[in-house]
């Protein structure tokens, strides 16, 4: 785990944002630009596993090819100190799962806004030949900085695959995704 103030891939770590199956995510100061990015880092214990390396690299490459207002932008990827990383747009706010735990169910109009934004993002990704395969509240980010209208983003293409691609980077007979949302 990286610590606040630590340099990683030339970025200065500000704080931990979260963790998931494919790594930890940090808020980090861009090394040259006056902005902060989200940096996803593959854990060191998975770095030597060729399957995890391939999945992590594929996530970055697939997501970097998407340019949509409701999909988190991928800026860069690389390897530093033996760990793979992806730099993405930082979305201030929270994910839909955390928000529902804090405030309860969304109001009907908020549900419409989330479903509309995510459906539009998925339509775009599908038109580009990409299946997300893990749409769930924790992978929907809501930018809470605007008092009038929240911006909604789909993130985490870690188990995505291209449409028509019969080869997978998962084991045979293995269910991918979060079972309660699959």
N, C-alpha and C. Protein backbone atom coordinates (compact mmCIF):
# COMPACT_ATOMS: atom_id res chain seq x y z
N UNK A 1 0.84 -1.18 0.00
CA UNK A 1 0.00 0.00 0.00
C UNK A 1 0.89 1.24 0.00
N UNK A 2 0.49 2.23 -0.79
CA UNK A 2 1.24 3.48 -0.86
C UNK A 2 0.80 4.42 0.26
N UNK A 3 1.69 5.31 0.65
CA UNK A 3 1.43 6.24 1.75
C UNK A 3 1.30 7.67 1.23
N UNK A 4 0.49 8.50 1.91
CA UNK A 4 0.41 9.90 1.52
C UNK A 4 1.80 10.55 1.50
N UNK A 5 2.05 11.34 0.46
CA UNK A 5 3.34 11.99 0.29
C UNK A 5 4.33 11.18 -0.52
N UNK A 6 4.11 9.89 -0.65
CA UNK A 6 5.02 9.01 -1.39
C UNK A 6 4.94 9.32 -2.88
N UNK A 7 6.10 9.25 -3.56
CA UNK A 7 6.14 9.39 -5.01
C UNK A 7 5.96 8.02 -5.64
N UNK A 8 5.09 7.97 -6.65
CA UNK A 8 4.87 6.74 -7.40
C UNK A 8 4.57 7.14 -8.83
N UNK A 9 5.35 6.60 -9.77
CA UNK A 9 5.20 6.91 -11.19
C UNK A 9 5.19 8.42 -11.42
N UNK A 10 6.01 9.12 -10.66
CA UNK A 10 6.18 10.57 -10.69
C UNK A 10 5.02 11.32 -10.04
N UNK A 11 3.94 10.65 -9.70
CA UNK A 11 2.82 11.27 -9.01
C UNK A 11 3.10 11.29 -7.51
N UNK A 12 2.60 12.31 -6.81
CA UNK A 12 2.69 12.35 -5.35
C UNK A 12 1.34 11.91 -4.77
N UNK A 13 1.36 10.83 -4.00
CA UNK A 13 0.14 10.27 -3.43
C UNK A 13 -0.44 11.24 -2.40
N UNK A 14 -1.73 11.52 -2.53
CA UNK A 14 -2.43 12.39 -1.58
C UNK A 14 -3.13 11.53 -0.52
N UNK A 15 -3.92 10.55 -0.99
CA UNK A 15 -4.63 9.67 -0.05
C UNK A 15 -5.20 8.47 -0.79
N UNK A 16 -5.63 7.48 -0.02
CA UNK A 16 -6.30 6.30 -0.58
C UNK A 16 -7.74 6.67 -0.90
N UNK A 17 -8.21 6.24 -2.08
CA UNK A 17 -9.61 6.45 -2.46
C UNK A 17 -10.43 5.18 -2.27
N UNK A 18 -9.79 4.01 -2.48
CA UNK A 18 -10.51 2.75 -2.35
C UNK A 18 -9.68 1.59 -2.82
N UNK A 19 -10.26 0.40 -2.74
CA UNK A 19 -9.57 -0.81 -3.17
C UNK A 19 -10.60 -1.78 -3.72
N UNK A 20 -10.15 -2.62 -4.64
CA UNK A 20 -11.02 -3.64 -5.24
C UNK A 20 -10.19 -4.84 -5.64
N UNK A 21 -10.80 -5.70 -6.42
CA UNK A 21 -10.15 -6.94 -6.82
C UNK A 21 -8.94 -6.74 -7.70
N UNK A 22 -8.88 -5.63 -8.41
CA UNK A 22 -7.75 -5.40 -9.32
C UNK A 22 -6.81 -4.31 -8.84
N UNK A 23 -6.89 -3.91 -7.57
CA UNK A 23 -5.90 -2.98 -7.07
C UNK A 23 -6.45 -1.92 -6.16
N UNK A 24 -5.52 -1.10 -5.67
CA UNK A 24 -5.87 0.04 -4.84
C UNK A 24 -5.93 1.28 -5.72
N UNK A 25 -6.78 2.23 -5.32
CA UNK A 25 -6.91 3.48 -6.07
C UNK A 25 -6.55 4.62 -5.13
N UNK A 26 -5.71 5.53 -5.64
CA UNK A 26 -5.21 6.65 -4.85
C UNK A 26 -5.51 7.97 -5.55
N UNK A 27 -5.73 8.99 -4.76
CA UNK A 27 -5.76 10.36 -5.27
C UNK A 27 -4.30 10.80 -5.30
N UNK A 28 -3.86 11.33 -6.44
CA UNK A 28 -2.45 11.70 -6.57
C UNK A 28 -2.31 12.99 -7.37
N UNK A 29 -1.33 13.77 -6.98
CA UNK A 29 -1.02 15.02 -7.66
C UNK A 29 -0.26 14.72 -8.94
N UNK A 30 -0.76 15.22 -10.07
CA UNK A 30 -0.09 15.03 -11.35
C UNK A 30 1.32 15.62 -11.26
N UNK A 31 2.32 14.98 -11.87
CA UNK A 31 3.70 15.46 -11.74
C UNK A 31 3.99 16.79 -12.45
N UNK A 32 3.21 17.15 -13.46
CA UNK A 32 3.51 18.36 -14.22
C UNK A 32 2.32 19.31 -14.36
N UNK A 33 1.12 18.79 -14.29
CA UNK A 33 -0.07 19.62 -14.49
C UNK A 33 -0.70 19.99 -13.15
N UNK A 34 -1.39 21.11 -13.10
CA UNK A 34 -2.04 21.52 -11.84
C UNK A 34 -3.38 20.83 -11.64
N UNK A 35 -3.34 19.48 -11.51
CA UNK A 35 -4.56 18.71 -11.28
C UNK A 35 -4.22 17.45 -10.49
N UNK A 36 -5.26 16.83 -9.96
CA UNK A 36 -5.11 15.56 -9.27
C UNK A 36 -5.81 14.49 -10.11
N UNK A 37 -5.20 13.32 -10.16
CA UNK A 37 -5.73 12.18 -10.89
C UNK A 37 -5.95 11.02 -9.92
N UNK A 38 -6.74 10.06 -10.36
CA UNK A 38 -6.88 8.80 -9.62
C UNK A 38 -5.89 7.82 -10.23
N UNK A 39 -5.10 7.18 -9.37
CA UNK A 39 -4.10 6.21 -9.82
C UNK A 39 -4.49 4.84 -9.28
N UNK A 40 -4.74 3.90 -10.19
CA UNK A 40 -5.06 2.52 -9.79
C UNK A 40 -3.78 1.71 -9.89
N UNK A 41 -3.42 1.01 -8.81
CA UNK A 41 -2.16 0.27 -8.73
C UNK A 41 -2.45 -1.20 -8.49
N UNK A 42 -1.91 -2.05 -9.34
CA UNK A 42 -2.03 -3.49 -9.15
C UNK A 42 -1.17 -3.89 -7.96
N UNK A 43 -1.73 -4.63 -6.99
CA UNK A 43 -0.94 -5.01 -5.81
C UNK A 43 0.33 -5.77 -6.20
N UNK A 44 1.36 -5.55 -5.43
CA UNK A 44 2.67 -6.15 -5.72
C UNK A 44 2.59 -7.68 -5.79
N UNK A 45 1.74 -8.29 -4.95
CA UNK A 45 1.65 -9.74 -4.94
C UNK A 45 1.02 -10.31 -6.22
N UNK A 46 0.32 -9.46 -6.97
CA UNK A 46 -0.28 -9.91 -8.24
C UNK A 46 0.56 -9.54 -9.45
N UNK A 47 1.56 -8.72 -9.26
CA UNK A 47 2.35 -8.22 -10.37
C UNK A 47 3.05 -9.33 -11.15
N UNK A 48 3.48 -10.37 -10.48
CA UNK A 48 4.19 -11.46 -11.15
C UNK A 48 3.26 -12.45 -11.83
N UNK A 49 1.97 -12.36 -11.58
CA UNK A 49 1.00 -13.28 -12.17
C UNK A 49 0.67 -12.80 -13.59
N UNK A 50 1.03 -13.57 -14.62
CA UNK A 50 0.81 -13.13 -16.00
C UNK A 50 -0.66 -12.86 -16.33
N UNK A 51 -1.57 -13.61 -15.72
CA UNK A 51 -3.00 -13.41 -15.98
C UNK A 51 -3.46 -12.06 -15.44
N UNK A 52 -3.09 -11.74 -14.20
CA UNK A 52 -3.48 -10.45 -13.63
C UNK A 52 -2.83 -9.30 -14.39
N UNK A 53 -1.58 -9.46 -14.76
CA UNK A 53 -0.90 -8.41 -15.53
C UNK A 53 -1.65 -8.16 -16.84
N UNK A 54 -2.03 -9.25 -17.51
CA UNK A 54 -2.73 -9.12 -18.80
C UNK A 54 -4.09 -8.46 -18.61
N UNK A 55 -4.83 -8.85 -17.57
CA UNK A 55 -6.14 -8.25 -17.31
C UNK A 55 -6.01 -6.77 -16.99
N UNK A 56 -5.03 -6.43 -16.18
CA UNK A 56 -4.84 -5.03 -15.77
C UNK A 56 -4.47 -4.17 -16.98
N UNK A 57 -3.56 -4.65 -17.79
CA UNK A 57 -3.14 -3.93 -18.99
C UNK A 57 -4.31 -3.82 -19.97
N UNK A 58 -5.07 -4.89 -20.11
CA UNK A 58 -6.21 -4.88 -21.01
C UNK A 58 -7.25 -3.86 -20.54
N UNK A 59 -7.50 -3.78 -19.22
CA UNK A 59 -8.45 -2.79 -18.70
C UNK A 59 -8.03 -1.39 -19.13
N UNK A 60 -6.76 -1.08 -18.96
CA UNK A 60 -6.27 0.26 -19.33
C UNK A 60 -6.43 0.51 -20.82
N UNK A 61 -6.06 -0.47 -21.62
CA UNK A 61 -6.12 -0.30 -23.07
C UNK A 61 -7.56 -0.17 -23.56
N UNK A 62 -8.46 -1.01 -23.05
CA UNK A 62 -9.86 -0.94 -23.47
C UNK A 62 -10.49 0.38 -23.04
N UNK A 63 -10.32 0.75 -21.80
CA UNK A 63 -10.93 1.98 -21.29
C UNK A 63 -10.32 3.22 -21.94
N UNK A 64 -9.04 3.19 -22.28
CA UNK A 64 -8.40 4.35 -22.91
C UNK A 64 -8.97 4.64 -24.29
N UNK A 65 -9.56 3.63 -24.91
CA UNK A 65 -10.16 3.83 -26.22
C UNK A 65 -11.57 4.41 -26.17
N UNK A 66 -12.08 4.65 -24.96
CA UNK A 66 -13.43 5.18 -24.81
C UNK A 66 -13.38 6.67 -24.48
N UNK A 67 -14.15 7.46 -25.19
CA UNK A 67 -14.22 8.90 -24.96
C UNK A 67 -15.69 9.29 -24.87
N UNK A 68 -16.21 9.23 -23.65
CA UNK A 68 -17.63 9.49 -23.42
C UNK A 68 -17.80 10.27 -22.13
N UNK A 69 -18.76 11.16 -22.10
CA UNK A 69 -18.95 12.03 -20.94
C UNK A 69 -19.36 11.29 -19.67
N UNK A 70 -19.83 10.05 -19.79
CA UNK A 70 -20.22 9.29 -18.59
C UNK A 70 -19.33 8.07 -18.36
N UNK A 71 -18.14 8.09 -18.92
CA UNK A 71 -17.15 7.04 -18.67
C UNK A 71 -15.88 7.71 -18.16
N UNK A 72 -15.33 7.20 -17.08
CA UNK A 72 -14.11 7.77 -16.50
C UNK A 72 -12.97 7.67 -17.52
N UNK A 73 -12.35 8.79 -17.83
CA UNK A 73 -11.25 8.83 -18.80
C UNK A 73 -9.98 8.22 -18.24
N UNK A 74 -9.30 7.43 -19.08
CA UNK A 74 -7.99 6.88 -18.73
C UNK A 74 -6.95 7.75 -19.43
N UNK A 75 -5.97 8.24 -18.64
CA UNK A 75 -4.95 9.14 -19.18
C UNK A 75 -3.67 8.42 -19.56
N UNK A 76 -3.28 7.43 -18.79
CA UNK A 76 -1.96 6.83 -18.99
C UNK A 76 -1.90 5.50 -18.26
N UNK A 77 -0.89 4.71 -18.54
CA UNK A 77 -0.62 3.47 -17.80
C UNK A 77 0.87 3.21 -17.86
N UNK A 78 1.35 2.38 -16.95
CA UNK A 78 2.77 2.05 -16.96
C UNK A 78 3.11 1.10 -15.83
N UNK A 79 4.40 1.01 -15.57
CA UNK A 79 4.91 0.18 -14.48
C UNK A 79 5.95 1.00 -13.73
N UNK A 80 5.86 0.96 -12.40
CA UNK A 80 6.79 1.69 -11.56
C UNK A 80 7.05 0.85 -10.32
N UNK A 81 8.28 0.74 -9.94
CA UNK A 81 8.67 -0.01 -8.75
C UNK A 81 8.08 -1.42 -8.77
N UNK A 82 8.03 -2.01 -9.98
CA UNK A 82 7.52 -3.37 -10.13
C UNK A 82 6.02 -3.49 -10.09
N UNK A 83 5.28 -2.39 -10.09
CA UNK A 83 3.83 -2.44 -10.04
C UNK A 83 3.22 -1.73 -11.25
N UNK A 84 2.19 -2.35 -11.81
CA UNK A 84 1.47 -1.73 -12.91
C UNK A 84 0.51 -0.69 -12.36
N UNK A 85 0.27 0.37 -13.14
CA UNK A 85 -0.64 1.44 -12.71
C UNK A 85 -1.40 2.00 -13.90
N UNK A 86 -2.55 2.59 -13.59
CA UNK A 86 -3.39 3.29 -14.55
C UNK A 86 -3.72 4.66 -13.96
N UNK A 87 -3.53 5.72 -14.74
CA UNK A 87 -3.92 7.07 -14.31
C UNK A 87 -5.26 7.41 -14.98
N UNK A 88 -6.21 7.85 -14.15
CA UNK A 88 -7.56 8.16 -14.62
C UNK A 88 -8.02 9.52 -14.11
N UNK A 89 -9.08 10.01 -14.71
CA UNK A 89 -9.70 11.23 -14.22
C UNK A 89 -10.18 11.00 -12.79
N UNK A 90 -9.90 11.95 -11.91
CA UNK A 90 -10.38 11.88 -10.54
C UNK A 90 -11.80 12.43 -10.50
N UNK A 91 -12.71 11.65 -9.93
CA UNK A 91 -14.10 12.08 -9.78
C UNK A 91 -14.36 12.37 -8.30
N UNK A 92 -14.48 13.64 -7.92
CA UNK A 92 -14.78 13.94 -6.52
C UNK A 92 -16.21 13.52 -6.21
N UNK A 93 -16.43 12.98 -5.08
CA UNK A 93 -17.75 12.53 -4.71
C UNK A 93 -17.68 11.12 -4.15
N UNK A 94 -18.59 10.26 -4.60
CA UNK A 94 -18.67 8.92 -4.05
C UNK A 94 -19.24 7.98 -5.09
N UNK A 95 -19.20 6.68 -4.77
CA UNK A 95 -19.86 5.73 -5.66
C UNK A 95 -21.31 5.54 -5.20
N UNK A 96 -22.15 5.02 -6.09
CA UNK A 96 -23.57 4.88 -5.79
C UNK A 96 -23.81 3.95 -4.60
N UNK A 97 -22.99 2.93 -4.45
CA UNK A 97 -23.14 2.00 -3.33
C UNK A 97 -22.94 2.72 -2.00
N UNK A 98 -21.86 3.47 -1.89
CA UNK A 98 -21.57 4.20 -0.64
C UNK A 98 -22.64 5.25 -0.36
N UNK A 99 -23.13 5.93 -1.41
CA UNK A 99 -24.17 6.94 -1.20
C UNK A 99 -25.46 6.31 -0.68
N UNK A 100 -25.83 5.15 -1.23
CA UNK A 100 -27.05 4.49 -0.76
C UNK A 100 -26.91 4.02 0.68
N UNK A 101 -25.71 3.61 1.08
CA UNK A 101 -25.50 3.21 2.47
C UNK A 101 -25.61 4.42 3.41
N UNK A 102 -25.18 5.60 2.93
CA UNK A 102 -25.21 6.81 3.75
C UNK A 102 -26.60 7.42 3.83
N UNK A 103 -27.31 7.46 2.70
CA UNK A 103 -28.55 8.23 2.63
C UNK A 103 -29.80 7.40 2.37
N UNK A 104 -29.65 6.11 2.12
CA UNK A 104 -30.79 5.27 1.79
C UNK A 104 -31.05 5.28 0.29
N UNK A 105 -32.18 4.71 -0.11
CA UNK A 105 -32.49 4.63 -1.55
C UNK A 105 -32.51 6.01 -2.21
N UNK A 106 -32.17 6.05 -3.48
CA UNK A 106 -32.20 7.29 -4.25
C UNK A 106 -33.64 7.71 -4.51
N UNK A 107 -33.83 9.00 -4.65
CA UNK A 107 -35.12 9.54 -5.07
C UNK A 107 -35.38 9.09 -6.51
N UNK A 108 -36.64 8.97 -6.92
CA UNK A 108 -36.94 8.49 -8.27
C UNK A 108 -36.22 9.25 -9.38
N UNK A 109 -36.12 10.57 -9.31
CA UNK A 109 -35.44 11.32 -10.37
C UNK A 109 -33.94 11.01 -10.38
N UNK A 110 -33.36 10.79 -9.21
CA UNK A 110 -31.94 10.42 -9.15
C UNK A 110 -31.72 9.05 -9.78
N UNK A 111 -32.65 8.13 -9.57
CA UNK A 111 -32.55 6.80 -10.20
C UNK A 111 -32.60 6.96 -11.71
N UNK A 112 -33.52 7.77 -12.20
CA UNK A 112 -33.63 8.01 -13.64
C UNK A 112 -32.32 8.58 -14.18
N UNK A 113 -31.73 9.55 -13.47
CA UNK A 113 -30.47 10.16 -13.91
C UNK A 113 -29.34 9.13 -13.98
N UNK A 114 -29.23 8.29 -12.95
CA UNK A 114 -28.17 7.28 -12.91
C UNK A 114 -28.37 6.26 -14.03
N UNK A 115 -29.58 5.73 -14.14
CA UNK A 115 -29.85 4.71 -15.16
C UNK A 115 -29.62 5.28 -16.56
N UNK A 116 -30.07 6.51 -16.79
CA UNK A 116 -29.89 7.14 -18.11
C UNK A 116 -28.41 7.31 -18.44
N UNK A 117 -27.62 7.82 -17.51
CA UNK A 117 -26.19 8.04 -17.75
C UNK A 117 -25.46 6.73 -17.98
N UNK A 118 -25.74 5.73 -17.14
CA UNK A 118 -25.05 4.43 -17.28
C UNK A 118 -25.48 3.73 -18.57
N UNK A 119 -26.77 3.78 -18.89
CA UNK A 119 -27.24 3.16 -20.13
C UNK A 119 -26.60 3.83 -21.34
N UNK A 120 -26.48 5.15 -21.32
CA UNK A 120 -25.83 5.87 -22.42
C UNK A 120 -24.36 5.46 -22.53
N UNK A 121 -23.68 5.34 -21.38
CA UNK A 121 -22.27 4.91 -21.38
C UNK A 121 -22.14 3.49 -21.93
N UNK A 122 -23.05 2.60 -21.52
CA UNK A 122 -23.00 1.22 -22.01
C UNK A 122 -23.32 1.15 -23.50
N UNK A 123 -24.30 1.93 -23.97
CA UNK A 123 -24.60 1.96 -25.41
C UNK A 123 -23.36 2.38 -26.20
N UNK A 124 -22.67 3.40 -25.70
CA UNK A 124 -21.46 3.88 -26.36
C UNK A 124 -20.39 2.78 -26.37
N UNK A 125 -20.14 2.17 -25.21
CA UNK A 125 -19.13 1.11 -25.12
C UNK A 125 -19.49 -0.06 -26.04
N UNK A 126 -20.76 -0.44 -26.06
CA UNK A 126 -21.19 -1.55 -26.92
C UNK A 126 -21.00 -1.19 -28.39
N UNK A 127 -21.27 0.04 -28.77
CA UNK A 127 -21.06 0.49 -30.15
C UNK A 127 -19.58 0.41 -30.52
N UNK A 128 -18.71 0.55 -29.52
CA UNK A 128 -17.26 0.44 -29.74
C UNK A 128 -16.80 -1.02 -29.63
N UNK A 129 -17.75 -1.95 -29.40
CA UNK A 129 -17.42 -3.38 -29.36
C UNK A 129 -16.97 -3.87 -27.99
N UNK A 130 -17.35 -3.17 -26.92
CA UNK A 130 -16.87 -3.51 -25.58
C UNK A 130 -18.03 -3.84 -24.64
N UNK A 131 -17.91 -4.97 -23.92
CA UNK A 131 -18.86 -5.34 -22.88
C UNK A 131 -18.23 -5.09 -21.52
N UNK A 132 -18.92 -4.37 -20.65
CA UNK A 132 -18.38 -4.02 -19.33
C UNK A 132 -18.32 -5.23 -18.41
N UNK A 133 -19.39 -5.96 -18.23
CA UNK A 133 -19.54 -7.20 -17.46
C UNK A 133 -19.49 -7.06 -15.95
N UNK A 134 -19.46 -5.85 -15.40
CA UNK A 134 -19.50 -5.72 -13.94
C UNK A 134 -20.16 -4.40 -13.53
N UNK A 135 -21.33 -4.14 -14.11
CA UNK A 135 -22.06 -2.93 -13.76
C UNK A 135 -22.74 -3.16 -12.41
N UNK A 136 -22.39 -2.33 -11.45
CA UNK A 136 -22.95 -2.42 -10.10
C UNK A 136 -22.80 -1.05 -9.46
N UNK A 137 -23.52 -0.79 -8.37
CA UNK A 137 -23.46 0.54 -7.74
C UNK A 137 -22.04 1.00 -7.39
N UNK A 138 -21.17 0.09 -6.96
CA UNK A 138 -19.80 0.48 -6.60
C UNK A 138 -18.98 0.94 -7.81
N UNK A 139 -19.42 0.61 -9.03
CA UNK A 139 -18.71 1.03 -10.24
C UNK A 139 -19.39 2.21 -10.93
N UNK A 140 -20.30 2.86 -10.22
CA UNK A 140 -20.95 4.07 -10.72
C UNK A 140 -20.54 5.21 -9.79
N UNK A 141 -19.78 6.14 -10.32
CA UNK A 141 -19.29 7.27 -9.53
C UNK A 141 -20.19 8.48 -9.74
N UNK A 142 -20.46 9.18 -8.65
CA UNK A 142 -21.32 10.36 -8.72
C UNK A 142 -20.54 11.56 -8.20
N UNK A 143 -20.29 12.50 -9.10
CA UNK A 143 -19.57 13.73 -8.77
C UNK A 143 -20.54 14.64 -8.03
N UNK A 144 -20.30 14.81 -6.75
CA UNK A 144 -21.20 15.60 -5.92
C UNK A 144 -20.80 17.04 -5.77
N UNK A 145 -19.95 17.58 -6.64
CA UNK A 145 -19.47 18.95 -6.46
C UNK A 145 -20.48 20.00 -6.90
N UNK A 146 -21.43 19.64 -7.75
CA UNK A 146 -22.44 20.60 -8.20
C UNK A 146 -23.66 20.50 -7.30
N UNK A 147 -24.16 21.63 -6.85
CA UNK A 147 -25.32 21.64 -5.97
C UNK A 147 -26.61 21.38 -6.75
N UNK A 148 -26.61 21.61 -8.06
CA UNK A 148 -27.84 21.49 -8.83
C UNK A 148 -27.95 20.18 -9.61
N UNK A 149 -26.88 19.70 -10.19
CA UNK A 149 -26.95 18.49 -11.01
C UNK A 149 -25.67 17.69 -10.83
N UNK A 150 -25.83 16.43 -10.45
CA UNK A 150 -24.69 15.56 -10.26
C UNK A 150 -24.27 14.92 -11.58
N UNK A 151 -22.97 14.80 -11.78
CA UNK A 151 -22.43 14.15 -12.97
C UNK A 151 -22.19 12.68 -12.61
N UNK A 152 -22.57 11.77 -13.49
CA UNK A 152 -22.52 10.34 -13.23
C UNK A 152 -21.57 9.67 -14.21
N UNK A 153 -20.71 8.77 -13.67
CA UNK A 153 -19.69 8.11 -14.48
C UNK A 153 -19.70 6.60 -14.24
N UNK A 154 -19.47 5.84 -15.29
CA UNK A 154 -19.24 4.41 -15.19
C UNK A 154 -17.74 4.19 -15.17
N UNK A 155 -17.28 3.30 -14.29
CA UNK A 155 -15.85 3.04 -14.17
C UNK A 155 -15.59 1.54 -14.04
N UNK A 156 -14.34 1.18 -13.95
CA UNK A 156 -13.85 -0.18 -13.68
C UNK A 156 -14.18 -1.16 -14.79
N UNK A 157 -13.38 -1.13 -15.82
CA UNK A 157 -13.51 -2.06 -16.94
C UNK A 157 -12.58 -3.27 -16.76
N UNK A 158 -12.32 -3.64 -15.51
CA UNK A 158 -11.35 -4.70 -15.19
C UNK A 158 -11.68 -6.06 -15.74
N UNK A 159 -12.97 -6.39 -15.94
CA UNK A 159 -13.31 -7.70 -16.49
C UNK A 159 -14.05 -7.55 -17.82
N UNK A 160 -13.92 -6.38 -18.44
CA UNK A 160 -14.56 -6.15 -19.73
C UNK A 160 -13.92 -7.06 -20.78
N UNK A 161 -14.68 -7.26 -21.84
CA UNK A 161 -14.14 -7.98 -22.99
C UNK A 161 -14.74 -7.39 -24.24
N UNK A 162 -14.11 -7.67 -25.36
CA UNK A 162 -14.65 -7.19 -26.62
C UNK A 162 -15.76 -8.11 -27.08
N UNK A 163 -16.75 -7.54 -27.76
CA UNK A 163 -17.87 -8.31 -28.29
C UNK A 163 -17.33 -9.26 -29.35
N UNK A 164 -17.78 -10.50 -29.29
CA UNK A 164 -17.34 -11.50 -30.26
C UNK A 164 -16.03 -12.14 -29.91
N UNK A 165 -15.39 -11.73 -28.81
CA UNK A 165 -14.12 -12.32 -28.40
C UNK A 165 -14.43 -13.53 -27.54
N UNK A 166 -14.15 -14.72 -28.08
CA UNK A 166 -14.41 -15.94 -27.34
C UNK A 166 -13.27 -16.30 -26.41
N UNK A 167 -12.12 -15.64 -26.56
CA UNK A 167 -11.02 -15.90 -25.64
C UNK A 167 -11.18 -14.99 -24.44
N UNK A 168 -10.92 -15.54 -23.28
CA UNK A 168 -11.10 -14.77 -22.05
C UNK A 168 -9.86 -14.90 -21.20
N UNK A 169 -9.67 -13.91 -20.36
CA UNK A 169 -8.55 -13.96 -19.43
C UNK A 169 -9.03 -14.43 -18.05
N UNK A 170 -10.02 -15.30 -18.08
CA UNK A 170 -10.50 -15.92 -16.85
C UNK A 170 -10.54 -17.41 -17.08
N UNK A 171 -10.55 -18.17 -16.02
CA UNK A 171 -10.54 -19.62 -16.12
C UNK A 171 -11.85 -20.13 -16.70
N UNK A 172 -11.80 -21.31 -17.30
CA UNK A 172 -13.01 -21.94 -17.82
C UNK A 172 -13.99 -22.21 -16.68
N UNK A 173 -15.28 -22.07 -16.98
CA UNK A 173 -16.34 -22.30 -16.00
C UNK A 173 -16.28 -21.38 -14.80
N UNK A 174 -15.70 -20.21 -14.96
CA UNK A 174 -15.60 -19.23 -13.88
C UNK A 174 -16.57 -18.11 -14.14
N UNK A 175 -17.38 -17.78 -13.15
CA UNK A 175 -18.30 -16.65 -13.27
C UNK A 175 -17.52 -15.38 -12.99
N UNK A 176 -17.67 -14.42 -13.92
CA UNK A 176 -17.00 -13.14 -13.72
C UNK A 176 -18.03 -12.10 -13.31
N UNK A 177 -17.59 -11.12 -12.57
CA UNK A 177 -18.47 -10.07 -12.12
C UNK A 177 -18.89 -10.32 -10.68
N UNK A 178 -19.69 -9.39 -10.20
CA UNK A 178 -20.23 -9.50 -8.85
C UNK A 178 -21.52 -10.29 -8.93
N UNK A 179 -21.57 -11.44 -8.32
CA UNK A 179 -22.66 -12.38 -8.50
C UNK A 179 -24.03 -11.77 -8.23
N UNK A 180 -24.15 -10.90 -7.23
CA UNK A 180 -25.45 -10.32 -6.93
C UNK A 180 -25.95 -9.37 -8.01
N UNK A 181 -25.06 -8.93 -8.93
CA UNK A 181 -25.46 -8.05 -10.01
C UNK A 181 -25.41 -8.75 -11.37
N UNK A 182 -24.85 -9.94 -11.43
CA UNK A 182 -24.76 -10.68 -12.67
C UNK A 182 -26.11 -11.22 -13.02
